[in-house]
């Protein structure tokens, strides 16, 4: 029953003339909130971003379209460092302000040469903007770490005969590219092409090291390899990425 229908019935019965709890509930226009506290800012997004001296961060904002459109062209942020450069898109409601270090700092101090970037949003009351606030800051932090030190993923092969070999590709599509040859107990070897920006090496047959400046590409390729032999909980066999562990289960004995 809607509020309007209930008010109409109560007015016919002349119950609104007497003060009651029901009358106060009907005449109150303010809706009750689950929380009375104000929305807080993101702890991840509001923390400053440290940019080393050998890393440059540039923001490109495309010109507005000539015709009226619902979606604006995306903005991009390019992070360039000693290992390469990475470009990611960012929403229009994110603002990045970079504060350069003062000139009178000591040249021996490493942190004094670093600049700081502060990320803000246009409307903190909007939930989608708050959600992307911390996400954008985490992506930029990963890119800064990638162009300075790089990202790595160590893959471990646990099982009888499980091994990986990195070799040169052959054929029409894989010529001149690196190929990861996986032997995981199938009737045929599994050939996976190493994506661009990723370096693969096998120090031992049961270990595969993936390195690159883009954390998303490195982890995506590691997940693609792991998908061929997901760790099983009875014998502990499978492909493990980094420090991944699995809890073994007891065997079912009849």
C-alpha atoms as a PDB file:
ATOM      1  CA  UNK A   1       0.000   0.000   0.000  1.00  0.00           C
ATOM      2  CA  UNK A   2       1.386   3.383  -0.975  1.00  0.00           C
ATOM      3  CA  UNK A   3       1.693   6.359   1.390  1.00  0.00           C
ATOM      4  CA  UNK A   4      -0.859   8.396  -0.582  1.00  0.00           C
ATOM      5  CA  UNK A   5      -3.481   5.658  -0.294  1.00  0.00           C
ATOM      6  CA  UNK A   6      -2.843   5.312   3.428  1.00  0.00           C
ATOM      7  CA  UNK A   7      -3.192   9.067   3.983  1.00  0.00           C
ATOM      8  CA  UNK A   8      -6.482   9.085   2.083  1.00  0.00           C
ATOM      9  CA  UNK A   9      -7.922   6.299   4.194  1.00  0.00           C
ATOM     10  CA  UNK A  10      -6.788   7.919   7.428  1.00  0.00           C
ATOM     11  CA  UNK A  11      -8.261  11.269   6.433  1.00  0.00           C
ATOM     12  CA  UNK A  12     -11.616   9.603   5.783  1.00  0.00           C
ATOM     13  CA  UNK A  13     -11.530   8.057   9.225  1.00  0.00           C
ATOM     14  CA  UNK A  14     -10.483  11.449  10.679  1.00  0.00           C
ATOM     15  CA  UNK A  15      -7.495   9.893  12.367  1.00  0.00           C
ATOM     16  CA  UNK A  16      -5.082  12.578  11.251  1.00  0.00           C
ATOM     17  CA  UNK A  17      -6.632  15.112  13.620  1.00  0.00           C
ATOM     18  CA  UNK A  18      -5.205  13.333  16.637  1.00  0.00           C
ATOM     19  CA  UNK A  19      -1.420  13.377  17.125  1.00  0.00           C
ATOM     20  CA  UNK A  20       0.036   9.902  16.948  1.00  0.00           C
ATOM     21  CA  UNK A  21       3.170   8.080  15.952  1.00  0.00           C
ATOM     22  CA  UNK A  22       1.548   7.083  12.675  1.00  0.00           C
ATOM     23  CA  UNK A  23       0.821  10.725  11.840  1.00  0.00           C
ATOM     24  CA  UNK A  24       4.437  11.695  12.514  1.00  0.00           C
ATOM     25  CA  UNK A  25       5.654   8.941  10.218  1.00  0.00           C
ATOM     26  CA  UNK A  26       3.348  10.031   7.417  1.00  0.00           C
ATOM     27  CA  UNK A  27       4.086  13.753   7.638  1.00  0.00           C
ATOM     28  CA  UNK A  28       7.862  13.285   7.849  1.00  0.00           C
ATOM     29  CA  UNK A  29       9.467  13.959   4.495  1.00  0.00           C
ATOM     30  CA  UNK A  30      13.047  13.080   5.396  1.00  0.00           C
ATOM     31  CA  UNK A  31      14.053   9.512   4.630  1.00  0.00           C
ATOM     32  CA  UNK A  32      16.005   7.609   7.203  1.00  0.00           C
ATOM     33  CA  UNK A  33      19.578   6.805   6.260  1.00  0.00           C
ATOM     34  CA  UNK A  34      21.398   3.631   7.224  1.00  0.00           C
ATOM     35  CA  UNK A  35      24.416   5.671   8.349  1.00  0.00           C
ATOM     36  CA  UNK A  36      24.485   9.170   9.803  1.00  0.00           C
ATOM     37  CA  UNK A  37      28.179   9.766   9.078  1.00  0.00           C
ATOM     38  CA  UNK A  38      29.353  11.721   6.088  1.00  0.00           C
ATOM     39  CA  UNK A  39      31.013   9.822   3.217  1.00  0.00           C
ATOM     40  CA  UNK A  40      34.753   9.671   3.746  1.00  0.00           C
ATOM     41  CA  UNK A  41      37.358  10.183   1.076  1.00  0.00           C
ATOM     42  CA  UNK A  42      39.295   7.254  -0.322  1.00  0.00           C
ATOM     43  CA  UNK A  43      42.369   6.422   1.761  1.00  0.00           C
ATOM     44  CA  UNK A  44      44.134   5.000  -1.280  1.00  0.00           C
ATOM     45  CA  UNK A  45      43.160   7.726  -3.730  1.00  0.00           C
ATOM     46  CA  UNK A  46      43.857  10.654  -1.418  1.00  0.00           C
ATOM     47  CA  UNK A  47      47.388   9.496  -0.542  1.00  0.00           C
ATOM     48  CA  UNK A  48      50.052  11.324  -2.604  1.00  0.00           C
ATOM     49  CA  UNK A  49      51.844   9.522  -5.411  1.00  0.00           C
ATOM     50  CA  UNK A  50      55.654   9.626  -5.345  1.00  0.00           C
ATOM     51  CA  UNK A  51      57.227  10.195  -8.768  1.00  0.00           C
ATOM     52  CA  UNK A  52      61.007   9.576  -8.934  1.00  0.00           C
ATOM     53  CA  UNK A  53      63.302  12.017 -10.663  1.00  0.00           C
ATOM     54  CA  UNK A  54      63.921   9.682 -13.628  1.00  0.00           C
ATOM     55  CA  UNK A  55      60.193   9.234 -14.318  1.00  0.00           C
ATOM     56  CA  UNK A  56      58.047  11.689 -16.266  1.00  0.00           C
ATOM     57  CA  UNK A  57      54.258  11.743 -16.112  1.00  0.00           C
ATOM     58  CA  UNK A  58      52.329  13.533 -18.854  1.00  0.00           C
ATOM     59  CA  UNK A  59      48.569  13.945 -19.210  1.00  0.00           C
ATOM     60  CA  UNK A  60      46.904  14.319 -22.595  1.00  0.00           C
ATOM     61  CA  UNK A  61      43.392  15.777 -22.771  1.00  0.00           C
ATOM     62  CA  UNK A  62      41.851  15.549 -26.258  1.00  0.00           C
ATOM     63  CA  UNK A  63      39.979  18.580 -27.615  1.00  0.00           C
ATOM     64  CA  UNK A  64      36.212  18.592 -27.136  1.00  0.00           C
ATOM     65  CA  UNK A  65      34.202  17.121 -30.024  1.00  0.00           C
ATOM     66  CA  UNK A  66      32.593  19.454 -32.501  1.00  0.00           C
ATOM     67  CA  UNK A  67      29.224  17.787 -32.249  1.00  0.00           C
ATOM     68  CA  UNK A  68      27.263  16.976 -29.113  1.00  0.00           C
ATOM     69  CA  UNK A  69      27.939  13.434 -27.904  1.00  0.00           C
ATOM     70  CA  UNK A  70      27.072  11.458 -24.798  1.00  0.00           C
ATOM     71  CA  UNK A  71      30.607  10.195 -24.292  1.00  0.00           C
ATOM     72  CA  UNK A  72      33.725  12.317 -24.314  1.00  0.00           C
ATOM     73  CA  UNK A  73      37.008  11.092 -25.808  1.00  0.00           C
ATOM     74  CA  UNK A  74      39.133   9.475 -23.077  1.00  0.00           C
ATOM     75  CA  UNK A  75      42.077  11.174 -21.442  1.00  0.00           C
ATOM     76  CA  UNK A  76      45.383   9.338 -21.288  1.00  0.00           C
ATOM     77  CA  UNK A  77      48.311   9.384 -18.889  1.00  0.00           C
ATOM     78  CA  UNK A  78      51.750   8.406 -20.173  1.00  0.00           C
ATOM     79  CA  UNK A  79      54.350   7.244 -17.641  1.00  0.00           C
ATOM     80  CA  UNK A  80      57.879   7.146 -19.062  1.00  0.00           C
ATOM     81  CA  UNK A  81      60.933   5.829 -17.265  1.00  0.00           C
ATOM     82  CA  UNK A  82      64.269   4.111 -17.838  1.00  0.00           C
ATOM     83  CA  UNK A  83      62.638   0.769 -18.787  1.00  0.00           C
ATOM     84  CA  UNK A  84      60.021   2.160 -21.184  1.00  0.00           C
ATOM     85  CA  UNK A  85      56.663   3.869 -21.177  1.00  0.00           C
ATOM     86  CA  UNK A  86      53.094   2.849 -20.371  1.00  0.00           C
ATOM     87  CA  UNK A  87      49.898   4.654 -21.380  1.00  0.00           C
ATOM     88  CA  UNK A  88      46.584   4.176 -19.575  1.00  0.00           C
ATOM     89  CA  UNK A  89      43.194   5.905 -20.004  1.00  0.00           C
ATOM     90  CA  UNK A  90      41.662   7.833 -17.116  1.00  0.00           C
ATOM     91  CA  UNK A  91      38.142   9.258 -16.648  1.00  0.00           C
ATOM     92  CA  UNK A  92      37.410  12.959 -17.099  1.00  0.00           C
ATOM     93  CA  UNK A  93      36.351  13.497 -13.492  1.00  0.00           C
ATOM     94  CA  UNK A  94      39.863  12.673 -12.207  1.00  0.00           C
ATOM     95  CA  UNK A  95      42.274  15.563 -11.665  1.00  0.00           C
ATOM     96  CA  UNK A  96      46.024  15.042 -11.279  1.00  0.00           C
ATOM     97  CA  UNK A  97      48.151  17.857  -9.904  1.00  0.00           C
ATOM     98  CA  UNK A  98      51.934  17.410  -9.850  1.00  0.00           C
ATOM     99  CA  UNK A  99      54.026  19.333  -7.311  1.00  0.00           C
ATOM    100  CA  UNK A 100      57.670  19.740  -8.311  1.00  0.00           C
ATOM    101  CA  UNK A 101      60.327  19.643  -5.573  1.00  0.00           C
ATOM    102  CA  UNK A 102      61.944  22.933  -4.464  1.00  0.00           C
ATOM    103  CA  UNK A 103      65.217  23.898  -6.076  1.00  0.00           C
ATOM    104  CA  UNK A 104      67.126  24.502  -2.843  1.00  0.00           C
ATOM    105  CA  UNK A 105      66.990  20.848  -1.756  1.00  0.00           C
ATOM    106  CA  UNK A 106      70.143  18.859  -1.183  1.00  0.00           C
ATOM    107  CA  UNK A 107      71.203  16.923  -4.296  1.00  0.00           C
ATOM    108  CA  UNK A 108      72.347  13.995  -2.184  1.00  0.00           C
ATOM    109  CA  UNK A 109      68.854  13.293  -0.896  1.00  0.00           C
ATOM    110  CA  UNK A 110      67.032  10.845  -3.151  1.00  0.00           C
ATOM    111  CA  UNK A 111      63.548  11.694  -1.888  1.00  0.00           C
ATOM    112  CA  UNK A 112      64.114  15.423  -2.253  1.00  0.00           C
ATOM    113  CA  UNK A 113      64.416  15.059  -6.020  1.00  0.00           C
ATOM    114  CA  UNK A 114      61.137  13.154  -6.267  1.00  0.00           C
ATOM    115  CA  UNK A 115      57.942  15.004  -7.054  1.00  0.00           C
ATOM    116  CA  UNK A 116      54.478  14.248  -5.723  1.00  0.00           C
ATOM    117  CA  UNK A 117      51.186  13.864  -7.574  1.00  0.00           C
ATOM    118  CA  UNK A 118      47.826  14.315  -5.860  1.00  0.00           C
ATOM    119  CA  UNK A 119      44.705  12.780  -7.419  1.00  0.00           C
ATOM    120  CA  UNK A 120      41.302  14.361  -6.774  1.00  0.00           C
ATOM    121  CA  UNK A 121      37.793  13.923  -8.148  1.00  0.00           C
ATOM    122  CA  UNK A 122      35.173  16.483  -9.064  1.00  0.00           C
ATOM    123  CA  UNK A 123      32.332  15.272  -6.830  1.00  0.00           C
ATOM    124  CA  UNK A 124      33.208  13.146  -3.763  1.00  0.00           C
ATOM    125  CA  UNK A 125      29.501  12.390  -3.174  1.00  0.00           C
ATOM    126  CA  UNK A 126      29.223  10.388  -6.389  1.00  0.00           C
ATOM    127  CA  UNK A 127      29.854   6.679  -5.802  1.00  0.00           C
ATOM    128  CA  UNK A 128      31.286   5.853  -9.285  1.00  0.00           C
ATOM    129  CA  UNK A 129      33.836   8.643  -8.919  1.00  0.00           C
ATOM    130  CA  UNK A 130      34.912   7.416  -5.486  1.00  0.00           C
ATOM    131  CA  UNK A 131      35.264   3.879  -6.842  1.00  0.00           C
ATOM    132  CA  UNK A 132      37.587   4.949  -9.650  1.00  0.00           C
ATOM    133  CA  UNK A 133      39.564   7.265  -7.354  1.00  0.00           C
ATOM    134  CA  UNK A 134      41.598   4.586  -5.615  1.00  0.00           C
ATOM    135  CA  UNK A 135      41.689   2.371  -8.720  1.00  0.00           C
ATOM    136  CA  UNK A 136      43.315   5.066 -10.847  1.00  0.00           C
ATOM    137  CA  UNK A 137      45.856   5.824  -8.144  1.00  0.00           C
ATOM    138  CA  UNK A 138      46.785   2.130  -7.815  1.00  0.00           C
ATOM    139  CA  UNK A 139      47.188   1.777 -11.599  1.00  0.00           C
ATOM    140  CA  UNK A 140      49.474   4.803 -11.765  1.00  0.00           C
ATOM    141  CA  UNK A 141      51.548   3.488  -8.854  1.00  0.00           C
ATOM    142  CA  UNK A 142      51.948   0.126 -10.619  1.00  0.00           C
ATOM    143  CA  UNK A 143      53.034   1.842 -13.836  1.00  0.00           C
ATOM    144  CA  UNK A 144      55.595   3.999 -12.041  1.00  0.00           C
ATOM    145  CA  UNK A 145      57.029   0.896 -10.379  1.00  0.00           C
ATOM    146  CA  UNK A 146      56.996  -0.935 -13.704  1.00  0.00           C
ATOM    147  CA  UNK A 147      58.983   1.657 -15.669  1.00  0.00           C
ATOM    148  CA  UNK A 148      61.595   1.934 -12.894  1.00  0.00           C
ATOM    149  CA  UNK A 149      62.025  -1.605 -11.505  1.00  0.00           C
ATOM    150  CA  UNK A 150      59.661  -3.783 -13.556  1.00  0.00           C
ATOM    151  CA  UNK A 151      57.153  -6.467 -12.584  1.00  0.00           C
ATOM    152  CA  UNK A 152      57.828 -10.181 -12.421  1.00  0.00           C
ATOM    153  CA  UNK A 153      55.832 -13.383 -12.016  1.00  0.00           C
ATOM    154  CA  UNK A 154      57.465 -16.695 -11.055  1.00  0.00           C
ATOM    155  CA  UNK A 155      55.599 -19.784 -12.227  1.00  0.00           C
ATOM    156  CA  UNK A 156      56.277 -23.158 -10.580  1.00  0.00           C
ATOM    157  CA  UNK A 157      55.415 -26.499 -12.222  1.00  0.00           C
ATOM    158  CA  UNK A 158      54.631 -29.220  -9.681  1.00  0.00           C
ATOM    159  CA  UNK A 159      54.034 -32.667 -11.154  1.00  0.00           C
ATOM    160  CA  UNK A 160      55.780 -35.593 -12.797  1.00  0.00           C
ATOM    161  CA  UNK A 161      57.074 -34.474 -16.189  1.00  0.00           C
ATOM    162  CA  UNK A 162      55.737 -30.920 -15.891  1.00  0.00           C
ATOM    163  CA  UNK A 163      58.230 -28.501 -17.420  1.00  0.00           C
ATOM    164  CA  UNK A 164      58.537 -25.427 -19.629  1.00  0.00           C
ATOM    165  CA  UNK A 165      60.991 -24.486 -22.379  1.00  0.00           C
ATOM    166  CA  UNK A 166      61.421 -21.046 -23.955  1.00  0.00           C
ATOM    167  CA  UNK A 167      62.372 -21.321 -27.631  1.00  0.00           C
ATOM    168  CA  UNK A 168      62.281 -19.401 -30.888  1.00  0.00           C
ATOM    169  CA  UNK A 169      59.035 -19.530 -32.792  1.00  0.00           C
ATOM    170  CA  UNK A 170      58.701 -20.936 -36.275  1.00  0.00           C
ATOM    171  CA  UNK A 171      56.057 -20.823 -38.935  1.00  0.00           C
ATOM    172  CA  UNK A 172      54.124 -18.030 -40.562  1.00  0.00           C
ATOM    173  CA  UNK A 173      52.772 -16.297 -37.450  1.00  0.00           C
ATOM    174  CA  UNK A 174      55.398 -17.098 -34.799  1.00  0.00           C
ATOM    175  CA  UNK A 175      58.589 -16.537 -36.761  1.00  0.00           C
ATOM    176  CA  UNK A 176      60.957 -14.230 -34.909  1.00  0.00           C
ATOM    177  CA  UNK A 177      58.988 -14.403 -31.651  1.00  0.00           C
ATOM    178  CA  UNK A 178      59.513 -16.239 -28.388  1.00  0.00           C
ATOM    179  CA  UNK A 179      57.403 -19.307 -27.687  1.00  0.00           C
ATOM    180  CA  UNK A 180      56.784 -21.044 -24.362  1.00  0.00           C
ATOM    181  CA  UNK A 181      56.651 -24.810 -24.858  1.00  0.00           C
ATOM    182  CA  UNK A 182      54.716 -26.461 -22.009  1.00  0.00           C
ATOM    183  CA  UNK A 183      54.691 -30.183 -21.308  1.00  0.00           C
ATOM    184  CA  UNK A 184      51.937 -30.852 -18.784  1.00  0.00           C
ATOM    185  CA  UNK A 185      50.976 -34.477 -19.275  1.00  0.00           C
ATOM    186  CA  UNK A 186      48.849 -34.035 -22.371  1.00  0.00           C
ATOM    187  CA  UNK A 187      49.314 -36.023 -25.555  1.00  0.00           C
ATOM    188  CA  UNK A 188      50.713 -32.941 -27.285  1.00  0.00           C
ATOM    189  CA  UNK A 189      52.913 -30.008 -26.217  1.00  0.00           C
ATOM    190  CA  UNK A 190      51.248 -26.651 -25.534  1.00  0.00           C
ATOM    191  CA  UNK A 191      52.743 -23.757 -27.481  1.00  0.00           C
ATOM    192  CA  UNK A 192      52.005 -20.252 -26.157  1.00  0.00           C
ATOM    193  CA  UNK A 193      53.325 -17.090 -27.768  1.00  0.00           C
ATOM    194  CA  UNK A 194      54.918 -14.591 -25.396  1.00  0.00           C
ATOM    195  CA  UNK A 195      53.009 -11.280 -25.631  1.00  0.00           C
ATOM    196  CA  UNK A 196      54.685  -7.996 -26.505  1.00  0.00           C
ATOM    197  CA  UNK A 197      56.416  -6.296 -23.600  1.00  0.00           C
ATOM    198  CA  UNK A 198      56.993  -9.549 -21.678  1.00  0.00           C
ATOM    199  CA  UNK A 199      60.306 -11.380 -21.352  1.00  0.00           C
ATOM    200  CA  UNK A 200      60.164 -15.103 -20.547  1.00  0.00           C
ATOM    201  CA  UNK A 201      63.063 -17.205 -19.271  1.00  0.00           C
ATOM    202  CA  UNK A 202      63.353 -20.690 -17.790  1.00  0.00           C
ATOM    203  CA  UNK A 203      66.288 -20.902 -15.341  1.00  0.00           C
ATOM    204  CA  UNK A 204      65.304 -24.512 -14.569  1.00  0.00           C
ATOM    205  CA  UNK A 205      62.776 -26.723 -16.403  1.00  0.00           C
ATOM    206  CA  UNK A 206      60.264 -26.477 -13.534  1.00  0.00           C
ATOM    207  CA  UNK A 207      60.445 -22.691 -13.188  1.00  0.00           C
ATOM    208  CA  UNK A 208      59.322 -19.976 -15.593  1.00  0.00           C
ATOM    209  CA  UNK A 209      60.095 -16.308 -14.999  1.00  0.00           C
ATOM    210  CA  UNK A 210      58.003 -13.606 -16.672  1.00  0.00           C
ATOM    211  CA  UNK A 211      59.186  -9.979 -16.604  1.00  0.00           C
ATOM    212  CA  UNK A 212      57.716  -6.785 -18.001  1.00  0.00           C
ATOM    213  CA  UNK A 213      56.828  -3.172 -17.287  1.00  0.00           C
ATOM    214  CA  UNK A 214      53.053  -3.672 -17.499  1.00  0.00           C
ATOM    215  CA  UNK A 215      51.772  -5.588 -14.490  1.00  0.00           C
ATOM    216  CA  UNK A 216      48.437  -6.375 -16.129  1.00  0.00           C
ATOM    217  CA  UNK A 217      50.033  -8.011 -19.178  1.00  0.00           C
ATOM    218  CA  UNK A 218      52.491 -10.049 -17.069  1.00  0.00           C
ATOM    219  CA  UNK A 219      49.822 -11.382 -14.716  1.00  0.00           C
ATOM    220  CA  UNK A 220      47.388 -12.063 -17.563  1.00  0.00           C
ATOM    221  CA  UNK A 221      49.945 -14.243 -19.353  1.00  0.00           C
ATOM    222  CA  UNK A 222      50.753 -16.027 -16.070  1.00  0.00           C
ATOM    223  CA  UNK A 223      47.026 -16.709 -15.558  1.00  0.00           C
ATOM    224  CA  UNK A 224      46.775 -18.062 -19.112  1.00  0.00           C
ATOM    225  CA  UNK A 225      49.574 -20.544 -18.389  1.00  0.00           C
ATOM    226  CA  UNK A 226      48.076 -21.529 -15.024  1.00  0.00           C
ATOM    227  CA  UNK A 227      44.731 -22.256 -16.666  1.00  0.00           C
ATOM    228  CA  UNK A 228      46.156 -25.386 -18.321  1.00  0.00           C
ATOM    229  CA  UNK A 229      46.832 -27.109 -14.990  1.00  0.00           C
ATOM    230  CA  UNK A 230      44.944 -25.554 -12.081  1.00  0.00           C
ATOM    231  CA  UNK A 231      46.334 -26.827  -8.743  1.00  0.00           C
ATOM    232  CA  UNK A 232      44.315 -29.734  -7.385  1.00  0.00           C
ATOM    233  CA  UNK A 233      43.864 -30.278  -3.630  1.00  0.00           C
ATOM    234  CA  UNK A 234      44.544 -34.037  -3.323  1.00  0.00           C
ATOM    235  CA  UNK A 235      48.078 -34.509  -4.655  1.00  0.00           C
ATOM    236  CA  UNK A 236      49.098 -30.847  -4.794  1.00  0.00           C
ATOM    237  CA  UNK A 237      49.950 -31.010  -8.492  1.00  0.00           C
ATOM    238  CA  UNK A 238      49.507 -28.114 -10.853  1.00  0.00           C
ATOM    239  CA  UNK A 239      50.896 -24.719 -11.863  1.00  0.00           C
ATOM    240  CA  UNK A 240      51.512 -22.222  -9.064  1.00  0.00           C
ATOM    241  CA  UNK A 241      52.082 -18.497  -9.607  1.00  0.00           C
ATOM    242  CA  UNK A 242      54.384 -16.592  -7.214  1.00  0.00           C
ATOM    243  CA  UNK A 243      53.670 -17.510  -3.569  1.00  0.00           C
ATOM    244  CA  UNK A 244      50.437 -19.372  -4.279  1.00  0.00           C
ATOM    245  CA  UNK A 245      49.742 -22.306  -1.967  1.00  0.00           C
ATOM    246  CA  UNK A 246      46.935 -24.825  -1.701  1.00  0.00           C
ATOM    247  CA  UNK A 247      45.527 -26.706   1.265  1.00  0.00           C
ATOM    248  CA  UNK A 248      45.616 -30.451   0.729  1.00  0.00           C
ATOM    249  CA  UNK A 249      42.536 -32.543   1.407  1.00  0.00           C
ATOM    250  CA  UNK A 250      42.412 -36.010   2.885  1.00  0.00           C
ATOM    251  CA  UNK A 251      41.754 -38.849   0.469  1.00  0.00           C
ATOM    252  CA  UNK A 252      38.350 -40.444   0.559  1.00  0.00           C
ATOM    253  CA  UNK A 253      38.714 -43.986   1.927  1.00  0.00           C
ATOM    254  CA  UNK A 254      35.713 -46.274   1.740  1.00  0.00           C
END
